[in-house]
């Protein structure tokens, strides 16, 4: 039989854990211009795909880490699904997705951000732009720390 003390302990422990959980505040591309007009900040663009297991790992570990969440409060954080079939306005341009094969799409913004001769990326890729919207760092693969970006400048 479960005692009242055990139940009370569990309830208090759950409340304590939930109250310390932090989440990244994601900004939609549609809201970015208004956000930048209100306050200039650097950007962090997380490029992912729904099927990518490493992307899911980054979302469940890196983006749940309290130190990372705290550091990313200094950025506008945006998610870019590399296969999303929708137009995105960014840097004064409209980027589109094109159909590749029967069911898959590739987004032009991903190619633009890739910044290499083949316009290709690995997933996940995290792109950091400064407050002037200049690309500073591209982290290919799972992002572990913000300090990781400093080493790749």
Protein backbone atom coordinates (compact mmCIF):
# COMPACT_ATOMS: atom_id res chain seq x y z
CA UNK A 1 0.00 0.00 0.00
CA UNK A 2 1.27 3.45 -0.91
CA UNK A 3 1.59 5.80 2.02
CA UNK A 4 0.42 9.42 2.08
CA UNK A 5 4.04 10.49 2.59
CA UNK A 6 5.08 8.71 -0.61
CA UNK A 7 2.31 10.40 -2.59
CA UNK A 8 3.14 13.81 -1.10
CA UNK A 9 6.84 13.32 -1.88
CA UNK A 10 6.04 12.39 -5.49
CA UNK A 11 3.74 15.41 -5.94
CA UNK A 12 6.33 17.81 -4.49
CA UNK A 13 9.11 16.28 -6.57
CA UNK A 14 7.03 16.53 -9.77
CA UNK A 15 6.19 20.17 -9.10
CA UNK A 16 9.82 20.93 -8.43
CA UNK A 17 10.98 19.31 -11.66
CA UNK A 18 8.27 21.01 -13.73
CA UNK A 19 8.97 24.44 -12.30
CA UNK A 20 12.66 24.23 -13.32
CA UNK A 21 11.97 23.06 -16.87
CA UNK A 22 12.85 25.72 -19.39
CA UNK A 23 12.02 25.85 -23.04
CA UNK A 24 13.51 27.72 -25.94
CA UNK A 25 11.36 30.58 -27.11
CA UNK A 26 11.01 29.86 -30.84
CA UNK A 27 10.28 32.74 -33.20
CA UNK A 28 8.36 32.11 -36.42
CA UNK A 29 9.89 33.47 -39.62
CA UNK A 30 6.63 35.38 -40.12
CA UNK A 31 7.22 37.25 -36.84
CA UNK A 32 10.94 37.88 -37.26
CA UNK A 33 10.76 41.36 -38.80
CA UNK A 34 8.51 42.62 -35.99
CA UNK A 35 10.80 41.05 -33.39
CA UNK A 36 13.92 42.58 -34.94
CA UNK A 37 12.20 45.99 -35.13
CA UNK A 38 11.45 45.78 -31.41
CA UNK A 39 14.93 44.56 -30.41
CA UNK A 40 17.99 43.66 -32.47
CA UNK A 41 19.44 40.28 -31.49
CA UNK A 42 21.52 37.64 -33.24
CA UNK A 43 19.71 34.67 -34.81
CA UNK A 44 20.04 30.95 -34.37
CA UNK A 45 18.44 28.98 -37.21
CA UNK A 46 18.00 25.28 -36.55
CA UNK A 47 17.64 23.30 -39.81
CA UNK A 48 16.02 19.91 -39.40
CA UNK A 49 13.76 17.31 -41.03
CA UNK A 50 10.92 15.33 -39.47
CA UNK A 51 12.57 11.97 -40.27
CA UNK A 52 16.04 12.91 -38.92
CA UNK A 53 16.93 10.94 -35.77
CA UNK A 54 19.89 13.22 -34.96
CA UNK A 55 17.60 16.25 -35.19
CA UNK A 56 15.24 14.60 -32.72
CA UNK A 57 18.21 13.84 -30.45
CA UNK A 58 19.27 17.50 -30.54
CA UNK A 59 15.71 18.61 -29.71
CA UNK A 60 15.48 16.19 -26.78
CA UNK A 61 18.92 16.87 -25.32
CA UNK A 62 20.62 20.08 -26.43
CA UNK A 63 17.45 22.17 -26.62
CA UNK A 64 16.31 20.88 -23.21
CA UNK A 65 19.62 21.64 -21.47
CA UNK A 66 19.05 24.51 -19.02
CA UNK A 67 22.45 26.13 -19.72
CA UNK A 68 21.79 26.06 -23.47
CA UNK A 69 18.26 27.44 -23.04
CA UNK A 70 19.64 30.26 -20.90
CA UNK A 71 22.31 31.13 -23.50
CA UNK A 72 19.78 31.04 -26.34
CA UNK A 73 17.62 33.65 -24.62
CA UNK A 74 20.05 36.15 -26.18
CA UNK A 75 19.04 34.99 -29.69
CA UNK A 76 15.96 34.85 -31.85
CA UNK A 77 15.67 31.10 -32.37
CA UNK A 78 14.05 29.88 -35.57
CA UNK A 79 13.25 26.38 -36.80
CA UNK A 80 13.55 25.59 -40.50
CA UNK A 81 12.17 22.28 -41.69
CA UNK A 82 14.38 21.53 -44.69
CA UNK A 83 11.50 19.83 -46.49
CA UNK A 84 8.62 22.17 -45.61
CA UNK A 85 6.53 23.01 -48.70
CA UNK A 86 6.00 26.70 -47.90
CA UNK A 87 7.41 30.07 -48.83
CA UNK A 88 9.51 31.97 -46.30
CA UNK A 89 10.33 35.67 -46.44
CA UNK A 90 13.82 36.30 -45.08
CA UNK A 91 16.44 39.01 -45.69
CA UNK A 92 14.17 40.77 -48.16
CA UNK A 93 13.74 37.69 -50.34
CA UNK A 94 11.09 35.03 -50.69
CA UNK A 95 12.51 31.52 -50.49
CA UNK A 96 10.44 28.63 -51.85
CA UNK A 97 10.53 24.89 -51.72
CA UNK A 98 10.67 22.72 -54.79
CA UNK A 99 9.38 19.22 -55.20
CA UNK A 100 12.05 16.56 -55.50
CA UNK A 101 10.74 13.13 -56.38
CA UNK A 102 7.21 12.02 -55.57
CA UNK A 103 6.83 13.21 -51.98
CA UNK A 104 9.91 15.16 -50.94
CA UNK A 105 10.56 18.89 -51.01
CA UNK A 106 13.82 20.86 -50.74
CA UNK A 107 13.76 24.40 -49.42
CA UNK A 108 15.75 27.15 -51.17
CA UNK A 109 16.51 28.82 -47.84
CA UNK A 110 18.42 25.71 -46.78
CA UNK A 111 20.59 26.00 -49.91
CA UNK A 112 21.13 29.70 -49.25
CA UNK A 113 22.21 29.07 -45.66
CA UNK A 114 24.41 26.08 -46.58
CA UNK A 115 27.12 28.44 -47.79
CA UNK A 116 29.10 25.87 -49.75
CA UNK A 117 29.65 25.17 -53.43
CA UNK A 118 27.13 22.31 -53.49
CA UNK A 119 24.43 24.16 -51.49
CA UNK A 120 23.96 21.08 -49.34
CA UNK A 121 23.90 20.48 -45.61
CA UNK A 122 23.95 17.63 -43.16
CA UNK A 123 21.11 17.38 -40.68
CA UNK A 124 20.86 18.87 -38.23
CA UNK A 125 22.63 22.10 -39.08
CA UNK A 126 22.56 25.18 -36.88
CA UNK A 127 23.33 28.58 -38.40
CA UNK A 128 24.23 31.59 -36.29
CA UNK A 129 23.81 35.12 -37.65
CA UNK A 130 24.83 38.29 -35.85
CA UNK A 131 22.43 41.16 -35.09
CA UNK A 132 23.21 42.60 -38.56
CA UNK A 133 21.98 39.29 -40.07
CA UNK A 134 25.44 38.31 -41.30
CA UNK A 135 26.26 34.60 -41.18
CA UNK A 136 28.85 33.97 -38.49
CA UNK A 137 28.94 30.24 -37.83
CA UNK A 138 27.50 27.07 -39.28
CA UNK A 139 27.52 24.00 -37.03
CA UNK A 140 27.04 20.78 -38.97
CA UNK A 141 25.67 17.90 -36.94
CA UNK A 142 24.37 17.93 -33.40
CA UNK A 143 24.96 21.19 -31.55
CA UNK A 144 26.25 20.51 -28.06
CA UNK A 145 27.16 23.93 -26.68
CA UNK A 146 27.18 27.57 -27.70
CA UNK A 147 30.95 27.51 -27.08
CA UNK A 148 31.17 24.99 -29.90
CA UNK A 149 30.20 27.80 -32.27
CA UNK A 150 33.08 30.00 -31.08
CA UNK A 151 35.62 27.37 -32.08
CA UNK A 152 34.28 27.20 -35.65
CA UNK A 153 34.34 30.91 -36.51
